[in-house]
Amino acid sequence: MEAPVAGIDVSKDKLIMYFQGKLYEFPNDRQGFEEIRKILPKGCKVGIESTGVYHVNLAKYLNNEYDVRIINPFILKKFKGFRGKKSDKNDAKKLAELVVSMGSGFVTSDARELTSQWDFVTRSIARVKNRLRRDLVLLGYRDSLSKKNLEEVLRGGDSIVLAEVRFLLEELERLKTRKREIEKELENVVSKDSLIFTIPGIGKTLGCIILARVGDVRRFSDKKRFVAYCGLVVESSGKSVVSRGISKKGDAVLRRAFYLAALTAIKVNPVIKRFYEEHKGRLKGKKLITACARKLAVITWAVLYYNKPFDASE
C-alpha cells in the first residue's frame, strides 16, 4: 500500500501543511512540529521546500518517523502545473503533488545536510589556508604550506602572527578531520553502484556529493533543466560563450562540485580533455573550467538519465 503524502510550505514564522485534502497552519517551532506529528501517520511521505535554514529543524524533527523529502525551490517552480496565483496554501498542496509525481527520487534531509556541511568545511579549509599563507609572508617565509616550511616557521620566536599560525594549523587539522568524517558518512547514504562513478573525473567523494544533491535525475526531462539546477547556466551575449560569466542561480554546492570535478576531468576524461583543448584559445582561467564543468554536468545527466555507463565514443 502506497504511503500517504503531505506537503509543508515553510516560512520563518509559520508552517502551512496540506494533507489528504485539508490545509493546516502551525507555528514554525517545537509546538508546531508536535501538532504535525499528531496528524501525520508514521511512514508518511513529507515534501518540504528548502527555505534557507527555516526548514532544517522541522526536517530533523520529522526525519526519524517520516519519509522526508527536501525539495529545491527551483524544482518547485519548474514543476509542471505550478502556475497561477502564488500562495502558501497553494504551495503546500503543490509540494504534496510533486512528491507523488516524482516518486522516491528525492534525497533524505540527512544526505543533503551532509553535503551542506561538506561544502562549508571545504570552503573553511580554503579560507584558513589563505590566511596561513598571508601570515607566513608577514613572518618573512615562503607562502608554502609544505611540512618542511611550516616546521621552520614554527621554530621561530614568539609573536602575535606566529600565535595565529599555531591556532590556524590546529583549526586546519580539525577541519580536515571533520571533512573526512563527512565523506565517510556520505558513502553510506548514496548508492555505491551508481553509474556516475563510470565517468572519469568524478571520484568517490564528488560523486556522492552530486548524487546526494540531485536525487532522481529523471525529474529533469532535458539536459538544460539539469544544467540550470546545477547552477551552471551561462550568461552569454550573441555568439560569445561565457562572455558575461556564470549565472548565480541554481545549486551552489553542485556548481562547486562539478567545478572541482572538472579540474580532474580535464586530465583524465577524454571528452572533457578534448573540449578543454578546443576552447582554451578563446576562454581563460575560471571561465574555461566552468565551461568544462557544464559539459561534465551534461555528461552526468545523460549517464544517469539513460542509465548507461560513460562511453567516450558517444
Protein backbone atom coordinates (compact mmCIF):
# COMPACT_ATOMS: atom_id res chain seq x y z
CA MET A 1 0.00 0.00 0.00
CA GLU A 2 1.36 3.40 -1.02
CA ALA A 3 2.28 5.66 1.89
CA PRO A 4 0.19 8.85 2.33
CA VAL A 5 1.75 12.15 1.27
CA ALA A 6 1.85 15.61 2.86
CA GLY A 7 3.28 18.92 1.70
CA ILE A 8 4.55 21.61 4.07
CA ASP A 9 5.27 25.18 3.00
CA VAL A 10 7.82 26.72 5.36
CA SER A 11 8.39 30.36 6.27
CA LYS A 12 10.24 31.97 9.14
CA ASP A 13 7.26 32.04 11.50
CA LYS A 14 4.68 29.57 10.20
CA LEU A 15 4.08 26.21 8.56
CA ILE A 16 1.26 25.54 6.10
CA MET A 17 0.57 21.80 5.69
CA TYR A 18 -1.55 20.09 3.06
CA PHE A 19 -2.63 16.55 3.89
CA GLN A 20 -5.44 14.45 2.42
CA GLY A 21 -7.40 17.38 1.07
CA LYS A 22 -7.10 19.57 4.17
CA LEU A 23 -4.93 22.57 5.00
CA TYR A 24 -3.43 23.21 8.42
CA GLU A 25 -1.45 26.15 9.83
CA PHE A 26 1.09 25.86 12.67
CA PRO A 27 3.85 28.00 14.17
CA ASN A 28 7.35 27.16 12.96
CA ASP A 29 8.56 25.92 16.33
CA ARG A 30 8.58 22.83 18.52
CA GLN A 31 4.90 23.18 19.32
CA GLY A 32 4.04 23.29 15.63
CA PHE A 33 6.23 20.24 14.93
CA GLU A 34 4.40 18.27 17.62
CA GLU A 35 0.99 19.23 16.18
CA ILE A 36 2.08 17.98 12.77
CA ARG A 37 3.26 14.72 14.31
CA LYS A 38 -0.18 14.19 15.87
CA ILE A 39 -1.82 14.40 12.44
CA LEU A 40 0.56 12.55 10.15
CA PRO A 41 0.77 8.73 10.36
CA LYS A 42 4.22 7.18 10.72
CA GLY A 43 5.91 6.43 7.40
CA CYS A 44 4.10 9.27 5.65
CA LYS A 45 5.99 10.96 2.79
CA VAL A 46 6.52 14.63 3.56
CA GLY A 47 7.59 17.18 0.96
CA ILE A 48 9.27 20.26 2.45
CA GLU A 49 10.56 23.15 0.38
CA SER A 50 14.16 24.11 1.11
CA THR A 51 13.78 27.62 2.55
CA GLY A 52 17.08 29.00 3.76
CA VAL A 53 17.56 27.47 7.21
CA TYR A 54 13.92 27.70 8.30
CA HIS A 55 13.05 24.16 7.15
CA VAL A 56 16.04 22.44 8.80
CA ASN A 57 14.69 21.96 12.35
CA LEU A 58 11.35 20.69 11.05
CA ALA A 59 13.06 18.21 8.73
CA LYS A 60 15.28 16.91 11.54
CA TYR A 61 12.31 16.56 13.87
CA LEU A 62 10.28 14.56 11.34
CA ASN A 63 13.10 12.57 9.80
CA ASN A 64 13.08 9.64 12.25
CA GLU A 65 9.42 8.71 11.76
CA TYR A 66 8.65 10.04 8.27
CA ASP A 67 9.99 9.80 4.72
CA VAL A 68 11.11 13.42 4.47
CA ARG A 69 11.87 14.87 1.03
CA ILE A 70 13.66 18.22 0.82
CA ILE A 71 12.59 19.95 -2.39
CA ASN A 72 14.68 22.66 -4.00
CA PRO A 73 12.64 25.81 -4.82
CA PHE A 74 13.99 25.67 -8.38
CA ILE A 75 12.32 22.30 -8.92
CA LEU A 76 9.09 23.58 -7.42
CA LYS A 77 9.00 26.48 -9.86
CA LYS A 78 9.69 24.19 -12.81
CA PHE A 79 7.13 21.60 -11.75
CA LYS A 80 4.50 21.18 -14.45
CA GLY A 81 1.30 22.88 -13.46
CA PHE A 82 2.87 25.06 -10.77
CA ARG A 83 1.34 28.24 -12.08
CA GLY A 84 -1.39 30.65 -11.18
CA LYS A 85 -1.68 32.71 -8.04
CA LYS A 86 1.16 32.01 -5.64
CA SER A 87 0.19 31.44 -2.01
CA ASP A 88 1.40 29.46 0.98
CA LYS A 89 -1.66 27.21 0.76
CA ASN A 90 -1.22 26.55 -2.95
CA ASP A 91 2.50 25.89 -2.45
CA ALA A 92 1.80 23.30 0.28
CA LYS A 93 -0.61 21.43 -2.00
CA LYS A 94 1.81 21.50 -4.91
CA LEU A 95 4.60 20.17 -2.69
CA ALA A 96 2.47 17.13 -1.91
CA GLU A 97 1.62 16.68 -5.59
CA LEU A 98 5.29 16.96 -6.51
CA VAL A 99 6.28 14.18 -4.11
CA VAL A 100 3.65 11.91 -5.70
CA SER A 101 4.74 12.86 -9.22
CA MET A 102 8.44 12.34 -8.63
CA GLY A 103 8.14 9.14 -6.64
CA SER A 104 11.10 8.11 -4.49
CA GLY A 105 13.76 10.18 -6.20
CA PHE A 106 14.30 12.84 -3.59
CA VAL A 107 17.23 12.75 -1.24
CA THR A 108 16.77 12.49 2.51
CA SER A 109 17.39 15.55 4.63
CA ASP A 110 20.39 13.85 6.25
CA ALA A 111 22.12 13.38 2.89
CA ARG A 112 21.55 16.99 1.87
CA GLU A 113 22.66 18.24 5.28
CA LEU A 114 25.91 16.29 4.92
CA THR A 115 26.59 17.89 1.54
CA SER A 116 25.91 21.32 3.03
CA GLN A 117 28.35 20.61 5.86
CA TRP A 118 30.95 19.28 3.41
CA ASP A 119 30.69 22.45 1.34
CA PHE A 120 31.01 24.68 4.41
CA VAL A 121 34.02 22.75 5.74
CA THR A 122 35.71 22.71 2.32
CA ARG A 123 35.34 26.47 1.93
CA SER A 124 36.51 26.98 5.51
CA ILE A 125 39.66 24.96 4.80
CA ALA A 126 40.40 27.19 1.81
CA ARG A 127 39.96 30.35 3.90
CA VAL A 128 42.21 29.04 6.68
CA LYS A 129 44.91 28.11 4.16
CA ASN A 130 44.76 31.56 2.56
CA ARG A 131 45.11 33.20 5.97
CA LEU A 132 48.04 30.93 6.79
CA ARG A 133 49.84 31.87 3.58
CA ARG A 134 49.30 35.53 4.39
CA ASP A 135 50.80 35.06 7.88
CA LEU A 136 53.82 33.18 6.53
CA VAL A 137 54.64 36.08 4.24
CA LEU A 138 54.32 38.52 7.16
CA LEU A 139 56.81 36.38 9.10
CA GLY A 140 59.27 36.55 6.21
CA TYR A 141 58.86 32.96 4.96
CA ARG A 142 57.64 31.43 1.73
CA ASP A 143 53.86 31.10 1.47
CA SER A 144 54.20 27.34 1.09
CA LEU A 145 52.22 25.07 3.41
CA SER A 146 54.68 22.23 2.98
CA LYS A 147 55.66 20.32 6.11
CA LYS A 148 59.27 21.43 5.82
CA ASN A 149 58.40 25.12 5.52
CA LEU A 150 55.90 25.02 8.39
CA GLU A 151 58.36 23.25 10.68
CA GLU A 152 60.86 26.03 10.01
CA VAL A 153 58.26 28.71 10.72
CA LEU A 154 57.21 27.10 14.00
CA ARG A 155 60.79 27.10 15.25
CA GLY A 156 60.72 30.89 15.23
CA GLY A 157 60.31 33.06 18.31
CA ASP A 158 57.03 34.17 19.83
CA SER A 159 54.98 36.82 18.07
CA ILE A 160 51.33 37.70 17.58
CA VAL A 161 51.39 36.45 14.00
CA LEU A 162 53.10 33.19 14.93
CA ALA A 163 50.47 32.61 17.63
CA GLU A 164 47.82 32.88 14.94
CA VAL A 165 49.74 30.44 12.72
CA ARG A 166 49.69 27.84 15.52
CA PHE A 167 45.96 28.42 16.06
CA LEU A 168 45.19 28.16 12.34
CA LEU A 169 47.18 24.93 11.98
CA GLU A 170 45.16 23.36 14.79
CA GLU A 171 41.95 24.62 13.22
CA LEU A 172 43.01 23.27 9.83
CA GLU A 173 43.58 19.82 11.27
CA ARG A 174 40.14 19.84 12.92
CA LEU A 175 38.50 20.88 9.67
CA LYS A 176 40.30 18.19 7.69
CA THR A 177 39.25 15.56 10.24
CA ARG A 178 35.62 16.64 10.01
CA LYS A 179 35.81 16.65 6.20
CA ARG A 180 36.99 13.02 6.21
CA GLU A 181 34.19 12.08 8.60
CA ILE A 182 31.55 13.69 6.41
CA GLU A 183 32.90 12.00 3.28
CA LYS A 184 32.75 8.62 5.01
CA GLU A 185 29.17 9.27 6.15
CA LEU A 186 28.17 10.30 2.63
CA GLU A 187 29.31 6.98 1.25
CA ASN A 188 26.70 5.30 3.43
CA VAL A 189 23.72 7.39 2.27
CA VAL A 190 24.07 7.19 -1.53
CA SER A 191 24.19 4.28 -3.94
CA LYS A 192 27.67 2.80 -4.33
CA ASP A 193 26.65 1.20 -7.63
CA SER A 194 25.64 4.42 -9.39
CA LEU A 195 26.83 4.79 -12.99
CA ILE A 196 28.09 8.26 -12.13
CA PHE A 197 31.28 6.56 -10.96
CA THR A 198 31.97 5.37 -14.53
CA ILE A 199 32.60 8.99 -15.54
CA PRO A 200 36.34 9.79 -15.46
CA GLY A 201 36.97 12.80 -13.26
CA ILE A 202 34.08 12.21 -10.89
CA GLY A 203 35.60 10.40 -7.95
CA LYS A 204 34.03 8.83 -4.90
CA THR A 205 33.54 11.98 -2.84
CA LEU A 206 32.31 14.33 -5.56
CA GLY A 207 30.14 11.58 -6.99
CA CYS A 208 28.47 11.17 -3.60
CA ILE A 209 28.01 14.95 -3.31
CA ILE A 210 26.36 15.14 -6.73
CA LEU A 211 24.09 12.15 -6.13
CA ALA A 212 23.04 13.44 -2.71
CA ARG A 213 22.15 16.87 -4.10
CA VAL A 214 20.43 15.66 -7.27
CA GLY A 215 18.42 12.64 -6.13
CA ASP A 216 16.46 11.18 -9.06
CA VAL A 217 17.79 12.75 -12.27
CA ARG A 218 14.72 11.55 -14.17
CA ARG A 219 12.80 14.55 -12.91
CA PHE A 220 14.88 16.64 -15.32
CA SER A 221 13.34 15.99 -18.73
CA ASP A 222 16.27 17.50 -20.62
CA LYS A 223 19.89 18.45 -20.04
CA LYS A 224 19.16 22.20 -19.98
CA ARG A 225 16.98 21.86 -16.90
CA PHE A 226 19.62 19.78 -15.18
CA VAL A 227 22.41 22.24 -16.00
CA ALA A 228 20.28 25.11 -14.71
CA TYR A 229 19.56 23.23 -11.48
CA CYS A 230 23.31 22.67 -11.05
CA GLY A 231 23.90 26.41 -11.24
CA LEU A 232 25.90 26.17 -14.45
CA VAL A 233 23.79 28.26 -16.81
CA VAL A 234 26.00 30.52 -18.88
CA GLU A 235 25.08 34.15 -19.37
CA SER A 236 26.23 34.86 -22.90
CA SER A 237 25.91 37.66 -25.40
CA GLY A 238 25.50 36.91 -29.08
CA LYS A 239 27.91 34.22 -30.21
CA SER A 240 30.25 34.73 -27.30
CA VAL A 241 30.44 31.77 -24.92
CA VAL A 242 30.56 32.63 -21.21
CA SER A 243 31.00 36.29 -22.11
CA ARG A 244 29.11 37.50 -19.06
CA GLY A 245 30.21 34.73 -16.73
CA ILE A 246 28.26 32.09 -14.86
CA SER A 247 24.75 32.69 -13.56
CA LYS A 248 24.41 32.67 -9.76
CA LYS A 249 21.09 30.84 -9.93
CA GLY A 250 20.82 27.15 -9.09
CA ASP A 251 22.50 24.92 -6.53
CA ALA A 252 25.80 26.46 -5.38
CA VAL A 253 27.03 23.19 -3.84
CA LEU A 254 26.50 21.31 -7.10
CA ARG A 255 28.19 24.11 -9.03
CA ARG A 256 31.30 23.83 -6.87
CA ALA A 257 31.26 20.02 -7.01
CA PHE A 258 31.20 19.99 -10.81
CA TYR A 259 33.86 22.70 -10.93
CA LEU A 260 36.18 20.63 -8.73
CA ALA A 261 35.43 17.50 -10.75
CA ALA A 262 36.21 19.36 -13.96
CA LEU A 263 39.71 20.16 -12.72
CA THR A 264 40.41 16.42 -12.65
CA ALA A 265 38.33 15.55 -15.72
CA ILE A 266 40.45 17.85 -17.86
CA LYS A 267 43.34 15.45 -17.25
CA VAL A 268 41.62 12.04 -17.26
CA ASN A 269 38.33 12.32 -19.17
CA PRO A 270 38.88 12.15 -22.96
CA VAL A 271 35.68 14.07 -23.75
CA ILE A 272 36.39 16.89 -21.30
CA LYS A 273 40.08 16.94 -22.25
CA ARG A 274 39.14 17.38 -25.93
CA PHE A 275 36.58 20.08 -25.02
CA TYR A 276 39.23 21.88 -22.98
CA GLU A 277 41.73 21.87 -25.86
CA GLU A 278 39.12 23.08 -28.34
CA HIS A 279 38.10 26.07 -26.21
CA LYS A 280 41.28 27.19 -24.48
CA GLY A 281 42.09 29.57 -27.31
CA ARG A 282 39.14 31.86 -26.50
CA LEU A 283 38.38 31.05 -22.88
CA LYS A 284 40.77 31.52 -19.98
CA GLY A 285 41.05 30.59 -16.32
CA LYS A 286 37.85 30.04 -14.36
CA LYS A 287 35.64 30.68 -17.40
CA LEU A 288 37.22 27.75 -19.22
CA ILE A 289 36.99 25.45 -16.19
CA THR A 290 33.35 26.46 -15.71
CA ALA A 291 32.59 25.62 -19.34
CA CYS A 292 34.19 22.21 -18.76
CA ALA A 293 32.11 21.79 -15.59
CA ARG A 294 28.97 22.49 -17.58
CA LYS A 295 30.00 19.90 -20.18
CA LEU A 296 30.64 17.41 -17.38
CA ALA A 297 27.17 18.10 -15.96
CA VAL A 298 25.62 17.33 -19.35
CA ILE A 299 27.53 14.04 -19.49
CA THR A 300 26.39 13.22 -15.96
CA TRP A 301 22.76 13.89 -16.84
CA ALA A 302 22.98 11.61 -19.91
CA VAL A 303 24.65 8.76 -18.00
CA LEU A 304 22.11 8.86 -15.16
CA TYR A 305 19.02 9.67 -17.22
CA TYR A 306 19.56 6.94 -19.80
CA ASN A 307 21.13 4.57 -17.25
CA LYS A 308 24.15 3.84 -19.45
CA PRO A 309 27.81 3.81 -18.38
CA PHE A 310 30.09 6.55 -19.66
CA ASP A 311 31.20 6.00 -23.25
CA ALA A 312 33.78 8.39 -24.68
CA SER A 313 32.77 7.50 -28.23
CA GLU A 314 29.23 8.82 -27.87
